């Protein structure tokens, strides 16, 4: 298991950290946190019942609490999985009823105050969302455009790459066909 968030008996709690996330990054994190589940195995890593319970506590109790502080549409009566200020959502109506919301500006920034436990929860969410062996649903484009930049803001890229085993991955070199001469037929 990753050593990043194991606490020593004498380690003092760190001061909370303020991190500005875009509405798009916060929304992705909120969706992952709402559906968070840490499998027993991810690649070569095996997580004990205690590890999984700790991760769930950090995600569900600490990270989600901070995300919901900035999400008025997540509270009753709406209870939608929507991150960010209400004024940045445009309601969509059908038969006079709100059926959905669309984010107006995905790049609006929201300042999150992340205590150590909430930061650990964000790390677990990113690990579950980015690990190739994870059963978490992956959406094309979200990893590269949203999640890895969020990991960089949280300063956990190296740790994630290490846990996912990308730290020693080499790019694949593809041998390409030679360019055919003009008029030459190509065998397929």
Protein backbone atom coordinates (compact mmCIF):
# COMPACT_ATOMS: atom_id res chain seq x y z
CA UNK A 1 0.00 0.00 0.00
CA UNK A 2 1.11 3.54 -0.60
CA UNK A 3 3.08 5.08 2.24
CA UNK A 4 1.83 8.58 1.45
CA UNK A 5 -1.02 8.75 3.92
CA UNK A 6 0.11 6.45 6.72
CA UNK A 7 0.50 8.47 9.93
CA UNK A 8 3.28 7.92 12.39
CA UNK A 9 2.44 7.91 16.09
CA UNK A 10 4.34 11.16 16.65
CA UNK A 11 3.34 12.98 13.45
CA UNK A 12 1.42 16.20 14.02
CA UNK A 13 -1.67 16.96 11.94
CA UNK A 14 -0.84 19.31 9.10
CA UNK A 15 -2.54 22.62 8.57
CA UNK A 16 -5.41 22.56 6.05
CA UNK A 17 -4.44 23.51 2.54
CA UNK A 18 -6.46 25.77 0.24
CA UNK A 19 -6.57 24.50 -3.32
CA UNK A 20 -8.44 26.18 -6.18
CA UNK A 21 -10.19 23.65 -8.40
CA UNK A 22 -12.22 24.33 -11.49
CA UNK A 23 -15.88 23.46 -11.45
CA UNK A 24 -15.12 20.65 -13.90
CA UNK A 25 -12.43 19.17 -11.61
CA UNK A 26 -14.65 19.48 -8.55
CA UNK A 27 -17.58 17.90 -10.40
CA UNK A 28 -15.45 14.93 -11.49
CA UNK A 29 -14.14 14.50 -7.93
CA UNK A 30 -17.67 14.73 -6.53
CA UNK A 31 -19.01 12.03 -8.90
CA UNK A 32 -16.09 9.71 -8.07
CA UNK A 33 -16.53 10.33 -4.32
CA UNK A 34 -20.26 9.62 -4.48
CA UNK A 35 -19.61 6.23 -6.11
CA UNK A 36 -16.35 5.47 -4.30
CA UNK A 37 -15.40 1.83 -3.82
CA UNK A 38 -11.86 0.58 -3.23
CA UNK A 39 -11.38 -2.96 -4.48
CA UNK A 40 -9.34 -5.47 -2.51
CA UNK A 41 -6.76 -5.57 -5.31
CA UNK A 42 -5.60 -2.96 -7.79
CA UNK A 43 -2.85 -4.40 -9.96
CA UNK A 44 -0.13 -5.69 -7.63
CA UNK A 45 -1.42 -3.74 -4.63
CA UNK A 46 -3.60 -5.49 -2.10
CA UNK A 47 -5.68 -3.48 0.36
CA UNK A 48 -6.78 -4.93 3.69
CA UNK A 49 -10.25 -4.45 5.11
CA UNK A 50 -8.81 -1.80 7.43
CA UNK A 51 -7.14 0.02 4.50
CA UNK A 52 -10.40 0.05 2.57
CA UNK A 53 -12.38 1.24 5.60
CA UNK A 54 -9.84 4.04 6.19
CA UNK A 55 -9.99 5.09 2.54
CA UNK A 56 -13.78 5.11 2.62
CA UNK A 57 -13.74 7.22 5.78
CA UNK A 58 -11.36 9.73 4.18
CA UNK A 59 -13.51 9.95 1.05
CA UNK A 60 -17.00 9.77 2.52
CA UNK A 61 -16.57 11.69 5.76
CA UNK A 62 -13.89 14.23 4.97
CA UNK A 63 -13.64 14.86 1.22
CA UNK A 64 -17.38 14.73 0.49
CA UNK A 65 -18.06 17.06 3.42
CA UNK A 66 -15.73 19.68 1.93
CA UNK A 67 -17.12 19.23 -1.59
CA UNK A 68 -20.69 19.56 -0.36
CA UNK A 69 -19.85 22.80 1.47
CA UNK A 70 -19.51 24.34 -2.00
CA UNK A 71 -22.48 22.56 -3.56
CA UNK A 72 -25.89 24.01 -2.64
CA UNK A 73 -27.68 21.81 -5.18
CA UNK A 74 -26.31 18.75 -3.35
CA UNK A 75 -28.33 19.60 -0.23
CA UNK A 76 -32.04 19.03 0.36
CA UNK A 77 -34.43 19.44 -1.35
CA UNK A 78 -32.43 18.96 -4.59
CA UNK A 79 -29.82 16.37 -3.50
CA UNK A 80 -28.10 16.38 -6.88
CA UNK A 81 -24.49 15.29 -7.38
CA UNK A 82 -23.46 18.75 -8.57
CA UNK A 83 -20.37 20.62 -7.44
CA UNK A 84 -20.06 24.38 -7.38
CA UNK A 85 -22.10 27.54 -6.98
CA UNK A 86 -25.78 27.33 -7.85
CA UNK A 87 -25.59 30.43 -10.07
CA UNK A 88 -23.22 28.55 -12.40
CA UNK A 89 -25.89 25.96 -13.25
CA UNK A 90 -28.60 26.42 -15.84
CA UNK A 91 -31.73 24.37 -15.07
CA UNK A 92 -33.22 22.31 -17.90
CA UNK A 93 -37.00 22.02 -17.84
CA UNK A 94 -39.47 19.45 -19.15
CA UNK A 95 -43.18 19.92 -18.58
CA UNK A 96 -42.45 22.78 -16.19
CA UNK A 97 -40.23 20.62 -13.95
CA UNK A 98 -36.45 20.82 -13.59
CA UNK A 99 -35.06 17.59 -15.03
CA UNK A 100 -31.37 18.42 -15.18
CA UNK A 101 -28.74 21.13 -14.82
CA UNK A 102 -26.01 22.20 -17.21
CA UNK A 103 -22.77 23.81 -16.01
CA UNK A 104 -22.54 27.30 -17.50
CA UNK A 105 -18.76 27.81 -17.11
CA UNK A 106 -16.58 24.76 -16.33
CA UNK A 107 -13.50 26.89 -15.61
CA UNK A 108 -14.89 28.87 -12.65
CA UNK A 109 -12.61 28.19 -9.70
CA UNK A 110 -13.73 27.20 -6.22
CA UNK A 111 -11.36 27.25 -3.23
CA UNK A 112 -11.41 23.99 -1.32
CA UNK A 113 -9.94 23.79 2.17
CA UNK A 114 -8.49 20.30 2.37
CA UNK A 115 -7.39 18.88 5.69
CA UNK A 116 -5.02 15.92 5.56
CA UNK A 117 -7.90 13.41 5.63
CA UNK A 118 -9.77 15.15 2.79
CA UNK A 119 -6.57 15.30 0.73
CA UNK A 120 -6.13 11.56 1.34
CA UNK A 121 -9.73 11.06 0.21
CA UNK A 122 -9.00 12.96 -3.02
CA UNK A 123 -5.92 10.77 -3.56
CA UNK A 124 -8.01 7.60 -3.14
CA UNK A 125 -10.64 8.91 -5.58
CA UNK A 126 -7.97 9.68 -8.17
CA UNK A 127 -6.31 6.29 -7.67
CA UNK A 128 -9.60 4.45 -8.18
CA UNK A 129 -10.50 6.56 -11.21
CA UNK A 130 -7.08 6.38 -12.90
CA UNK A 131 -5.89 2.83 -12.17
CA UNK A 132 -6.29 0.61 -15.25
CA UNK A 133 -7.33 -2.40 -13.13
CA UNK A 134 -10.03 -0.47 -11.30
CA UNK A 135 -13.66 -1.34 -11.92
CA UNK A 136 -14.53 2.36 -11.77
CA UNK A 137 -16.26 3.56 -14.93
CA UNK A 138 -13.83 5.55 -17.07
CA UNK A 139 -14.96 8.39 -19.31
CA UNK A 140 -12.88 9.17 -22.39
CA UNK A 141 -11.04 12.46 -22.09
CA UNK A 142 -11.72 12.98 -18.39
CA UNK A 143 -8.48 11.33 -17.26
CA UNK A 144 -6.12 13.46 -19.34
CA UNK A 145 -8.14 16.67 -19.39
CA UNK A 146 -9.41 16.75 -15.81
CA UNK A 147 -8.04 14.12 -13.42
CA UNK A 148 -4.29 14.29 -14.10
CA UNK A 149 -4.30 18.12 -13.96
CA UNK A 150 -6.23 17.84 -10.67
CA UNK A 151 -3.61 15.38 -9.38
CA UNK A 152 -0.95 17.96 -10.28
CA UNK A 153 -2.79 20.65 -8.26
CA UNK A 154 -2.96 18.27 -5.31
CA UNK A 155 0.73 17.39 -5.83
CA UNK A 156 0.09 13.62 -5.93
CA UNK A 157 1.14 12.84 -9.52
CA UNK A 158 4.36 11.02 -8.58
CA UNK A 159 2.61 8.97 -5.92
CA UNK A 160 -0.21 8.01 -8.32
CA UNK A 161 2.27 7.12 -11.08
CA UNK A 162 4.17 4.96 -8.59
CA UNK A 163 1.04 3.19 -7.33
CA UNK A 164 -0.27 2.62 -10.87
CA UNK A 165 3.21 1.47 -11.95
CA UNK A 166 3.58 4.23 -14.55
CA UNK A 167 6.78 5.60 -12.98
CA UNK A 168 8.96 3.17 -14.94
CA UNK A 169 6.77 2.79 -18.03
CA UNK A 170 8.55 3.38 -21.32
CA UNK A 171 6.75 4.75 -24.36
CA UNK A 172 6.11 2.13 -27.00
CA UNK A 173 8.17 2.57 -30.16
CA UNK A 174 6.16 1.55 -33.19
CA UNK A 175 7.97 0.46 -36.31
CA UNK A 176 6.26 2.19 -39.17
CA UNK A 177 5.96 0.97 -42.75
CA UNK A 178 8.19 2.53 -45.31
CA UNK A 179 6.63 5.17 -47.51
CA UNK A 180 5.67 3.49 -50.80
CA UNK A 181 7.15 4.86 -53.97
CA UNK A 182 4.83 6.81 -56.21
CA UNK A 183 2.49 4.42 -58.04
CA UNK A 184 3.55 1.41 -55.93
CA UNK A 185 0.79 -0.81 -54.52
CA UNK A 186 0.71 -1.39 -50.76
CA UNK A 187 0.11 -4.92 -49.45
CA UNK A 188 -2.64 -4.92 -46.86
